[in-house]
Amino acid sequence: MPSLIDSIVGSRPFGYLARAILTYMFWASGLAKLIDFNAGVAEMSHFGLEPAPLFNTAVIVT
């Protein structure tokens, strides 16, 4: 049984899937701010980051 687990974990598609899942919160946040730019600007303003449009753009780019 361990050889089956080793072959799954060692496969290239599993590596890509694991990376996508582990980084989902970061790229989903950037996409959400890109899709609804005004809500992203409001979020930056709420947390006191001024100029808010510049910070929102930096988050999207990053």
C-alpha atoms as a PDB file:
ATOM      1  CA  MET A   1       0.000   0.000   0.000  1.00  0.00           C
ATOM      2  CA  PRO A   2       2.753   2.576   0.712  1.00  0.00           C
ATOM      3  CA  SER A   3       3.986   2.246  -2.874  1.00  0.00           C
ATOM      4  CA  LEU A   4       0.574   3.370  -4.149  1.00  0.00           C
ATOM      5  CA  ILE A   5       0.640   6.432  -1.891  1.00  0.00           C
ATOM      6  CA  ASP A   6       4.253   7.176  -2.887  1.00  0.00           C
ATOM      7  CA  SER A   7       3.365   6.997  -6.565  1.00  0.00           C
ATOM      8  CA  ILE A   8       0.376   9.343  -6.129  1.00  0.00           C
ATOM      9  CA  VAL A   9       2.254  11.890  -4.005  1.00  0.00           C
ATOM     10  CA  GLY A  10       5.284  11.728  -6.273  1.00  0.00           C
ATOM     11  CA  SER A  11       3.338  12.340  -9.470  1.00  0.00           C
ATOM     12  CA  ARG A  12       3.577  15.637 -11.318  1.00  0.00           C
ATOM     13  CA  PRO A  13      -0.224  16.279 -11.507  1.00  0.00           C
ATOM     14  CA  PHE A  14      -0.502  15.838  -7.740  1.00  0.00           C
ATOM     15  CA  GLY A  15       2.218  18.443  -7.259  1.00  0.00           C
ATOM     16  CA  TYR A  16       0.363  20.961  -9.419  1.00  0.00           C
ATOM     17  CA  LEU A  17      -2.914  20.254  -7.650  1.00  0.00           C
ATOM     18  CA  ALA A  18      -1.307  20.623  -4.223  1.00  0.00           C
ATOM     19  CA  ARG A  19       0.261  23.956  -5.184  1.00  0.00           C
ATOM     20  CA  ALA A  20      -3.038  25.252  -6.564  1.00  0.00           C
ATOM     21  CA  ILE A  21      -4.901  24.284  -3.394  1.00  0.00           C
ATOM     22  CA  LEU A  22      -2.257  25.723  -1.070  1.00  0.00           C
ATOM     23  CA  THR A  23      -2.146  29.073  -2.895  1.00  0.00           C
ATOM     24  CA  TYR A  24      -5.875  29.342  -3.661  1.00  0.00           C
ATOM     25  CA  MET A  25      -6.597  31.978  -1.013  1.00  0.00           C
ATOM     26  CA  PHE A  26      -4.004  34.341  -2.460  1.00  0.00           C
ATOM     27  CA  TRP A  27      -4.864  34.194  -6.152  1.00  0.00           C
ATOM     28  CA  ALA A  28      -8.606  34.061  -5.447  1.00  0.00           C
ATOM     29  CA  SER A  29      -8.293  37.294  -3.461  1.00  0.00           C
ATOM     30  CA  GLY A  30      -6.503  38.979  -6.354  1.00  0.00           C
ATOM     31  CA  LEU A  31      -9.110  37.767  -8.835  1.00  0.00           C
ATOM     32  CA  ALA A  32     -11.964  38.957  -6.609  1.00  0.00           C
ATOM     33  CA  LYS A  33     -10.407  42.417  -6.356  1.00  0.00           C
ATOM     34  CA  LEU A  34      -9.905  42.482 -10.115  1.00  0.00           C
ATOM     35  CA  ILE A  35     -13.487  41.433 -10.876  1.00  0.00           C
ATOM     36  CA  ASP A  36     -15.033  43.909  -8.403  1.00  0.00           C
ATOM     37  CA  PHE A  37     -12.472  46.712  -8.285  1.00  0.00           C
ATOM     38  CA  ASN A  38     -14.698  49.113  -6.313  1.00  0.00           C
ATOM     39  CA  ALA A  39     -15.258  46.566  -3.537  1.00  0.00           C
ATOM     40  CA  GLY A  40     -11.497  46.038  -3.339  1.00  0.00           C
ATOM     41  CA  VAL A  41     -10.957  49.782  -3.027  1.00  0.00           C
ATOM     42  CA  ALA A  42     -13.615  49.939  -0.289  1.00  0.00           C
ATOM     43  CA  GLU A  43     -11.849  47.122   1.555  1.00  0.00           C
ATOM     44  CA  MET A  44      -8.514  48.959   1.383  1.00  0.00           C
ATOM     45  CA  SER A  45     -10.171  52.153   2.644  1.00  0.00           C
ATOM     46  CA  HIS A  46     -11.820  50.237   5.477  1.00  0.00           C
ATOM     47  CA  PHE A  47      -8.413  49.099   6.708  1.00  0.00           C
ATOM     48  CA  GLY A  48      -6.949  52.612   6.378  1.00  0.00           C
ATOM     49  CA  LEU A  49      -4.710  51.945   3.381  1.00  0.00           C
ATOM     50  CA  GLU A  50      -4.524  55.144   1.365  1.00  0.00           C
ATOM     51  CA  PRO A  51      -4.454  55.728  -1.555  1.00  0.00           C
ATOM     52  CA  ALA A  52      -6.851  52.796  -1.726  1.00  0.00           C
ATOM     53  CA  PRO A  53      -6.877  52.367  -5.541  1.00  0.00           C
ATOM     54  CA  LEU A  54      -3.088  52.083  -5.561  1.00  0.00           C
ATOM     55  CA  PHE A  55      -3.083  49.447  -2.807  1.00  0.00           C
ATOM     56  CA  ASN A  56      -5.869  47.525  -4.555  1.00  0.00           C
ATOM     57  CA  THR A  57      -3.891  47.548  -7.808  1.00  0.00           C
ATOM     58  CA  ALA A  58      -0.778  46.360  -5.962  1.00  0.00           C
ATOM     59  CA  VAL A  59      -2.707  43.446  -4.485  1.00  0.00           C
ATOM     60  CA  ILE A  60      -4.059  42.504  -7.908  1.00  0.00           C
ATOM     61  CA  VAL A  61      -0.612  42.633  -9.516  1.00  0.00           C
ATOM     62  CA  THR A  62       1.051  40.745  -6.687  1.00  0.00           C
END
